[in-house]
Amino acid sequence: MRLALGISVFTAMFFTAAFAAEVPVETISITLARDVVNKTVELVESRGLYPRQQAEYDQAKAALLSMFDGQGVEINRQDLYARIRKVLRTLDTNGHTFLIPAGRQMTVQRKQTAPNDLPPPTFQLLKTSYGTVLRWTPPPIVNSSVNAIEPYLKRFHDEAQATSEISQACALVVDLSEQSGGNAWPPFVAMYPLFGNANKARWVDRDGKRTAFVNPANLERMNRNYGDGRNIPLKRFNSGPLAVVAGKRTSSAGEMLLIALLGEARVQTFGNTSSGQTTANATYALPDGSTLVLTQSHYALGDGPIYRGGVEPMHPFNPKETQNDGLTTVANWAAENSPHCRHDESNVVTPN
């Protein structure tokens, strides 16, 4: 029996607001519209982050409720959605709370022919003077179900097995530059060996309560439940300095993974500032078939300040250099600082 491990609410948390086109019916009954409004307001006020300004929220809510004044038996659906979105825009979520219309689906910026037709995670071997560095670029995944973990891990293992030289790598670079949003949990499980029990990544709810969201034991259990028994090829990189790359396409789910890795004291980040969707969402079905993607937490490290906007790298790429030049710098740093590569301790360096 496989365990969901309490992530049923969170498997669809981390999406960008791109939708597959399908036009819903233009009007709905006033009874159904009231149900949609009541459910939305109840969720926002009981679980969502607080408004930036209470007066602004109250005004938008009043405008939403006033649409029922003097109405007949039907409500224009687009007008309903527009008024709900005005309410959502007053919340302190950096635009990460949104409404998906009925009949539409959430997508990420990558084409996939079927929910389980996943692109395999990308492994690349980079040669340096200190040894071979493994660059892993986990792709985003649109499927929001827990069931997406199993095929994702299979592709992950299949590609690792097909990359015979992977055992030669003496250092690892985790490249999140293609993590543009989606379901964070499949790549999260795949990278579980990189996390320790002292991880400082936290969810911070609207009242300031902090909850650790990196649980290595649970991630390992998920790997056993949804994996096929093969060893995670990242296990031998579970200690020593770790290089992580991010960029402006690193968004939402990708930023969750980035902050999870930043919770490890050994991590150094490179690249460019991330997209700025640095909040944790949950999805809720509304009575008319639409979906509310509601921000419920900020992120933070330990007792530090919450993240607002993009996550800046510790070591920014030189804007005058190409992406490949930047990756060469990262690979060299990873090899120079890895205890598994060929160098004396006197050669260990920290980038400027």
Protein backbone atom coordinates (compact mmCIF):
# COMPACT_ATOMS: atom_id res chain seq x y z
CA MET A 1 0.00 0.00 0.00
CA ARG A 2 1.41 3.37 -1.00
CA LEU A 3 1.21 6.35 1.30
CA ALA A 4 0.30 9.89 0.32
CA LEU A 5 2.14 11.05 3.45
CA GLY A 6 -0.12 14.01 4.03
CA ILE A 7 0.68 15.85 0.80
CA SER A 8 -2.73 15.59 -0.86
CA VAL A 9 -3.34 19.31 -0.29
CA PHE A 10 0.11 20.33 -1.41
CA THR A 11 0.72 18.28 -4.54
CA ALA A 12 -0.77 21.03 -6.68
CA MET A 13 0.58 23.94 -4.70
CA PHE A 14 3.19 25.36 -6.96
CA PHE A 15 1.89 26.51 -10.34
CA THR A 16 2.17 29.52 -12.56
CA ALA A 17 -0.99 31.04 -13.95
CA ALA A 18 -1.07 29.73 -17.52
CA PHE A 19 -4.24 28.02 -18.69
CA ALA A 20 -5.26 25.63 -21.43
CA ALA A 21 -7.97 27.41 -23.41
CA GLU A 22 -11.59 26.34 -23.20
CA VAL A 23 -14.46 28.82 -23.00
CA PRO A 24 -16.91 28.14 -20.13
CA VAL A 25 -20.66 28.78 -20.30
CA GLU A 26 -21.24 32.55 -20.18
CA THR A 27 -23.92 32.56 -17.46
CA ILE A 28 -24.62 30.52 -14.35
CA SER A 29 -27.54 30.47 -11.95
CA ILE A 30 -27.55 33.07 -9.22
CA THR A 31 -27.69 30.25 -6.65
CA LEU A 32 -24.53 28.65 -8.02
CA ALA A 33 -22.82 32.05 -8.23
CA ARG A 34 -23.63 32.71 -4.56
CA ASP A 35 -22.14 29.32 -3.67
CA VAL A 36 -18.94 30.20 -5.55
CA VAL A 37 -18.66 33.57 -3.80
CA ASN A 38 -19.39 32.18 -0.36
CA LYS A 39 -16.83 29.40 -0.76
CA THR A 40 -14.20 31.80 -2.08
CA VAL A 41 -14.69 34.31 0.72
CA GLU A 42 -14.70 31.56 3.35
CA LEU A 43 -11.40 30.13 2.06
CA VAL A 44 -9.74 33.52 1.70
CA GLU A 45 -10.72 34.68 5.16
CA SER A 46 -9.98 31.41 6.97
CA ARG A 47 -6.84 30.20 5.19
CA GLY A 48 -5.36 32.83 2.88
CA LEU A 49 -2.69 35.39 3.62
CA TYR A 50 -4.03 38.66 4.96
CA PRO A 51 -4.78 41.63 2.68
CA ARG A 52 -2.13 44.29 2.17
CA GLN A 53 -4.71 46.81 3.41
CA GLN A 54 -7.94 45.71 5.09
CA ALA A 55 -9.90 48.66 3.70
CA GLU A 56 -8.91 47.71 0.15
CA TYR A 57 -10.09 44.14 0.72
CA ASP A 58 -13.37 45.28 2.29
CA GLN A 59 -14.09 47.51 -0.71
CA ALA A 60 -13.42 44.72 -3.22
CA LYS A 61 -15.50 42.25 -1.20
CA ALA A 62 -18.40 44.70 -1.06
CA ALA A 63 -18.23 45.14 -4.83
CA LEU A 64 -18.29 41.36 -5.23
CA LEU A 65 -21.34 40.92 -3.02
CA SER A 66 -23.18 43.83 -4.62
CA MET A 67 -23.36 42.03 -7.95
CA PHE A 68 -26.34 40.07 -6.61
CA ASP A 69 -28.38 43.22 -5.92
CA GLY A 70 -31.41 43.34 -8.20
CA GLN A 71 -30.26 40.38 -10.29
CA GLY A 72 -32.59 37.83 -11.82
CA VAL A 73 -31.92 34.12 -12.02
CA GLU A 74 -28.66 34.26 -14.00
CA ILE A 75 -25.21 35.81 -13.37
CA ASN A 76 -22.61 36.63 -16.00
CA ARG A 77 -19.73 34.28 -15.23
CA GLN A 78 -16.99 36.57 -16.56
CA ASP A 79 -18.24 39.45 -14.41
CA LEU A 80 -18.26 37.10 -11.41
CA TYR A 81 -14.68 36.01 -12.08
CA ALA A 82 -13.52 39.60 -12.62
CA ARG A 83 -14.91 40.67 -9.23
CA ILE A 84 -13.39 37.64 -7.48
CA ARG A 85 -10.00 38.45 -9.02
CA LYS A 86 -10.21 42.00 -7.69
CA VAL A 87 -10.67 40.55 -4.21
CA LEU A 88 -7.71 38.19 -4.68
CA ARG A 89 -5.47 41.01 -5.89
CA THR A 90 -5.81 42.74 -2.52
CA LEU A 91 -4.07 39.86 -0.72
CA ASP A 92 -0.41 40.01 0.24
CA THR A 93 0.65 37.29 -2.20
CA ASN A 94 2.65 39.07 -4.92
CA GLY A 95 0.00 38.04 -7.44
CA HIS A 96 0.45 34.33 -6.71
CA THR A 97 -3.19 33.78 -5.69
CA PHE A 98 -5.45 33.38 -8.70
CA LEU A 99 -8.63 31.86 -10.11
CA ILE A 100 -8.70 29.22 -12.84
CA PRO A 101 -11.97 29.45 -14.79
CA ALA A 102 -14.26 26.45 -15.07
CA GLY A 103 -13.32 24.26 -18.02
CA ARG A 104 -9.69 25.31 -18.01
CA GLN A 105 -6.60 23.56 -16.73
CA MET A 106 -3.42 24.81 -15.14
CA THR A 107 -0.28 24.35 -17.23
CA VAL A 108 3.39 25.17 -17.14
CA GLN A 109 5.54 26.62 -19.88
CA ARG A 110 6.43 23.24 -21.39
CA LYS A 111 4.50 21.08 -23.82
CA GLN A 112 3.57 17.58 -22.74
CA THR A 113 1.43 15.16 -24.70
CA ALA A 114 -0.03 13.36 -21.68
CA PRO A 115 0.05 13.76 -17.89
CA ASN A 116 2.56 10.91 -17.53
CA ASP A 117 4.52 11.70 -20.69
CA LEU A 118 7.34 13.32 -18.76
CA PRO A 119 10.60 14.64 -20.13
CA PRO A 120 13.37 12.83 -18.27
CA PRO A 121 15.46 14.86 -15.86
CA THR A 122 18.57 16.08 -17.61
CA PHE A 123 22.01 14.79 -16.65
CA GLN A 124 25.11 16.37 -18.16
CA LEU A 125 28.76 15.69 -17.38
CA LEU A 126 31.02 18.74 -17.25
CA LYS A 127 34.79 18.32 -17.38
CA THR A 128 37.01 20.44 -15.15
CA SER A 129 40.70 20.32 -14.27
CA TYR A 130 39.75 18.86 -10.88
CA GLY A 131 37.45 16.13 -12.19
CA THR A 132 34.05 15.51 -13.76
CA VAL A 133 31.02 17.40 -12.44
CA LEU A 134 27.45 16.11 -12.75
CA ARG A 135 24.92 18.79 -13.72
CA TRP A 136 21.32 17.78 -12.99
CA THR A 137 18.52 19.93 -14.42
CA PRO A 138 15.19 18.60 -13.12
CA PRO A 139 12.39 19.64 -15.50
CA PRO A 140 9.03 21.02 -14.35
CA ILE A 141 6.02 18.71 -14.35
CA VAL A 142 2.44 19.80 -14.94
CA ASN A 143 0.63 16.79 -13.46
CA SER A 144 -0.52 17.84 -9.99
CA SER A 145 -1.37 14.36 -8.74
CA VAL A 146 0.64 12.37 -6.20
CA ASN A 147 0.61 9.67 -8.89
CA ALA A 148 2.98 11.81 -10.96
CA ILE A 149 5.84 10.91 -8.61
CA GLU A 150 6.19 7.31 -9.79
CA PRO A 151 6.70 7.97 -13.54
CA TYR A 152 8.92 10.95 -12.76
CA LEU A 153 11.22 8.82 -10.61
CA LYS A 154 11.26 6.09 -13.24
CA ARG A 155 12.46 8.52 -15.92
CA PHE A 156 14.96 9.94 -13.43
CA HIS A 157 16.42 6.48 -12.76
CA ASP A 158 16.26 5.39 -16.40
CA GLU A 159 18.30 8.35 -17.58
CA ALA A 160 20.78 8.00 -14.73
CA GLN A 161 21.23 4.34 -15.62
CA ALA A 162 21.69 5.21 -19.29
CA THR A 163 24.35 7.79 -18.40
CA SER A 164 27.11 5.29 -17.69
CA GLU A 165 29.73 7.95 -16.95
CA ILE A 166 27.66 9.29 -14.06
CA SER A 167 29.72 7.25 -11.60
CA GLN A 168 32.80 9.24 -12.64
CA ALA A 169 31.39 12.51 -11.31
CA CYS A 170 33.07 13.83 -8.18
CA ALA A 171 30.81 16.86 -7.65
CA LEU A 172 27.21 17.88 -8.27
CA VAL A 173 25.51 21.01 -9.62
CA VAL A 174 21.71 21.21 -9.21
CA ASP A 175 20.43 23.48 -11.98
CA LEU A 176 16.93 24.83 -11.31
CA SER A 177 16.98 27.25 -14.23
CA GLU A 178 14.26 25.25 -16.07
CA GLN A 179 12.02 24.83 -13.00
CA SER A 180 9.36 27.25 -14.22
CA GLY A 181 6.51 26.00 -12.03
CA GLY A 182 4.29 22.99 -11.57
CA ASN A 183 4.27 20.12 -9.10
CA ALA A 184 7.32 20.43 -6.85
CA TRP A 185 7.04 17.04 -5.20
CA PRO A 186 8.45 14.66 -7.88
CA PRO A 187 11.82 16.46 -8.14
CA PHE A 188 11.70 17.11 -4.38
CA VAL A 189 11.59 13.35 -3.77
CA ALA A 190 14.30 12.69 -6.35
CA MET A 191 16.71 15.02 -4.54
CA TYR A 192 15.93 13.79 -1.01
CA PRO A 193 19.50 12.58 -0.28
CA LEU A 194 20.68 16.20 -0.51
CA PHE A 195 18.71 17.20 2.61
CA GLY A 196 19.58 16.79 6.28
CA ASN A 197 17.59 16.94 9.50
CA ALA A 198 18.98 20.39 10.34
CA ASN A 199 17.38 21.97 7.24
CA LYS A 200 16.13 25.52 7.99
CA ALA A 201 13.53 26.00 5.22
CA ARG A 202 10.17 27.05 6.68
CA TRP A 203 6.62 27.81 5.68
CA VAL A 204 5.34 30.90 7.49
CA ASP A 205 1.57 31.25 7.76
CA ARG A 206 -0.38 34.49 7.98
CA ASP A 207 -0.04 34.61 11.76
CA GLY A 208 3.71 34.03 11.72
CA LYS A 209 3.70 30.35 12.65
CA ARG A 210 6.74 28.61 11.14
CA THR A 211 6.66 25.01 9.97
CA ALA A 212 9.56 23.00 8.58
CA PHE A 213 8.62 21.62 5.17
CA VAL A 214 11.76 19.57 4.45
CA ASN A 215 11.44 16.19 6.14
CA PRO A 216 14.18 13.87 4.82
CA ALA A 217 12.61 10.77 6.40
CA ASN A 218 9.25 11.40 4.73
CA LEU A 219 10.89 12.15 1.39
CA GLU A 220 12.88 8.93 1.62
CA ARG A 221 9.69 7.03 2.48
CA MET A 222 7.98 8.54 -0.55
CA ASN A 223 10.88 7.42 -2.69
CA ARG A 224 10.46 3.87 -1.40
CA ASN A 225 6.69 3.96 -1.96
CA TYR A 226 6.72 5.51 -5.41
CA GLY A 227 10.15 4.49 -6.67
CA ASP A 228 11.15 1.10 -8.03
CA GLY A 229 13.84 0.22 -5.53
CA ARG A 230 16.79 1.63 -7.41
CA ASN A 231 19.30 3.75 -5.51
CA ILE A 232 19.05 7.51 -5.99
CA PRO A 233 22.21 8.47 -7.91
CA LEU A 234 22.56 11.69 -5.89
CA LYS A 235 23.21 9.88 -2.61
CA ARG A 236 26.98 10.19 -2.78
CA PHE A 237 26.65 13.98 -2.88
CA ASN A 238 24.91 14.17 0.51
CA SER A 239 27.82 15.96 2.17
CA GLY A 240 30.28 18.69 1.30
CA PRO A 241 29.64 21.99 -0.52
CA LEU A 242 26.79 21.91 -3.03
CA ALA A 243 26.28 24.31 -5.97
CA VAL A 244 22.75 25.30 -7.00
CA VAL A 245 21.90 27.37 -10.09
CA ALA A 246 18.73 29.46 -10.45
CA GLY A 247 17.52 32.17 -12.80
CA LYS A 248 14.60 34.31 -13.85
CA ARG A 249 12.69 31.24 -15.12
CA THR A 250 12.98 29.59 -11.71
CA SER A 251 9.46 30.18 -10.45
CA SER A 252 6.88 28.96 -7.95
CA ALA A 253 7.63 25.21 -7.59
CA GLY A 254 11.20 25.92 -8.64
CA GLU A 255 11.51 28.57 -5.94
CA MET A 256 10.18 26.14 -3.35
CA LEU A 257 12.97 23.72 -4.34
CA LEU A 258 15.50 26.56 -4.30
CA ILE A 259 14.53 27.64 -0.78
CA ALA A 260 14.49 24.02 0.39
CA LEU A 261 18.08 23.66 -0.81
CA LEU A 262 19.02 27.00 0.74
CA GLY A 263 17.93 25.46 4.02
CA GLU A 264 21.14 23.42 3.86
CA ALA A 265 24.11 25.38 5.24
CA ARG A 266 26.44 23.76 2.70
CA VAL A 267 24.62 25.21 -0.33
CA GLN A 268 25.97 28.07 -2.43
CA THR A 269 23.71 29.56 -5.11
CA PHE A 270 24.71 30.92 -8.51
CA GLY A 271 22.98 32.51 -11.48
CA ASN A 272 20.34 35.22 -11.47
CA THR A 273 17.45 36.37 -9.29
CA SER A 274 14.46 34.00 -9.45
CA SER A 275 10.99 34.90 -10.73
CA GLY A 276 9.48 36.06 -7.45
CA GLN A 277 6.57 33.63 -6.91
CA THR A 278 7.97 32.82 -3.46
CA THR A 279 4.81 31.75 -1.68
CA ALA A 280 3.18 28.37 -1.05
CA ASN A 281 -0.26 27.72 -2.52
CA ALA A 282 -3.06 25.19 -2.12
CA THR A 283 -5.76 24.49 -4.71
CA TYR A 284 -9.49 24.32 -3.98
CA ALA A 285 -12.32 23.27 -6.29
CA LEU A 286 -15.18 25.77 -6.36
CA PRO A 287 -18.85 24.77 -6.89
CA ASP A 288 -19.02 25.83 -10.56
CA GLY A 289 -15.94 23.83 -11.59
CA SER A 290 -13.47 26.70 -11.30
CA THR A 291 -10.38 26.39 -9.09
CA LEU A 292 -9.03 28.77 -6.47
CA VAL A 293 -5.24 28.70 -6.15
CA LEU A 294 -4.82 30.26 -2.73
CA THR A 295 -1.56 31.41 -1.19
CA GLN A 296 -1.36 30.22 2.41
CA SER A 297 2.27 30.68 3.40
CA HIS A 298 5.42 32.66 2.80
CA TYR A 299 8.88 31.08 2.92
CA ALA A 300 11.75 31.81 5.30
CA LEU A 301 14.99 30.28 6.53
CA GLY A 302 14.91 29.54 10.25
CA ASP A 303 13.92 32.67 12.16
CA GLY A 304 15.00 34.92 9.32
CA PRO A 305 12.79 37.35 7.38
CA ILE A 306 10.19 36.00 4.97
CA TYR A 307 11.02 36.01 1.28
CA ARG A 308 9.32 38.68 -0.77
CA GLY A 309 9.94 38.67 -4.49
CA GLY A 310 12.77 36.85 -6.18
CA VAL A 311 15.59 35.00 -4.45
CA GLU A 312 18.93 36.61 -5.19
CA PRO A 313 21.93 34.35 -5.85
CA MET A 314 24.92 34.38 -3.54
CA HIS A 315 27.16 34.49 -6.61
CA PRO A 316 25.50 36.30 -9.55
CA PHE A 317 26.48 35.41 -13.10
CA ASN A 318 28.45 38.07 -14.92
CA PRO A 319 25.93 39.76 -17.26
CA LYS A 320 28.65 40.09 -19.88
CA GLU A 321 29.17 36.31 -19.98
CA THR A 322 27.07 33.64 -21.63
CA GLN A 323 25.05 31.06 -19.70
CA ASN A 324 27.64 28.44 -20.63
CA ASP A 325 30.40 30.65 -19.22
CA GLY A 326 28.45 30.91 -15.98
CA LEU A 327 27.95 27.15 -15.81
CA THR A 328 31.68 26.64 -16.36
CA THR A 329 32.35 28.87 -13.36
CA VAL A 330 29.87 26.89 -11.27
CA ALA A 331 31.32 23.53 -12.35
CA ASN A 332 34.84 24.68 -11.51
CA TRP A 333 33.71 25.89 -8.08
CA ALA A 334 31.88 22.63 -7.40
CA ALA A 335 34.92 20.54 -8.33
CA GLU A 336 37.39 22.74 -6.47
CA ASN A 337 35.31 22.53 -3.29
CA SER A 338 34.24 18.89 -3.45
CA PRO A 339 36.08 16.49 -1.14
CA HIS A 340 35.65 13.81 -3.81
CA CYS A 341 37.57 15.60 -6.57
CA ARG A 342 41.32 15.71 -7.21
CA HIS A 343 42.80 18.56 -5.20
CA ASP A 344 44.61 19.40 -2.00
CA GLU A 345 42.78 21.24 0.76
CA SER A 346 44.89 24.31 -0.04
CA ASN A 347 43.11 24.53 -3.40
CA VAL A 348 39.61 24.91 -1.94
CA VAL A 349 38.29 28.33 -2.94
CA THR A 350 35.25 30.51 -2.51
CA PRO A 351 34.07 32.52 -5.53
CA ASN A 352 34.25 36.29 -5.37
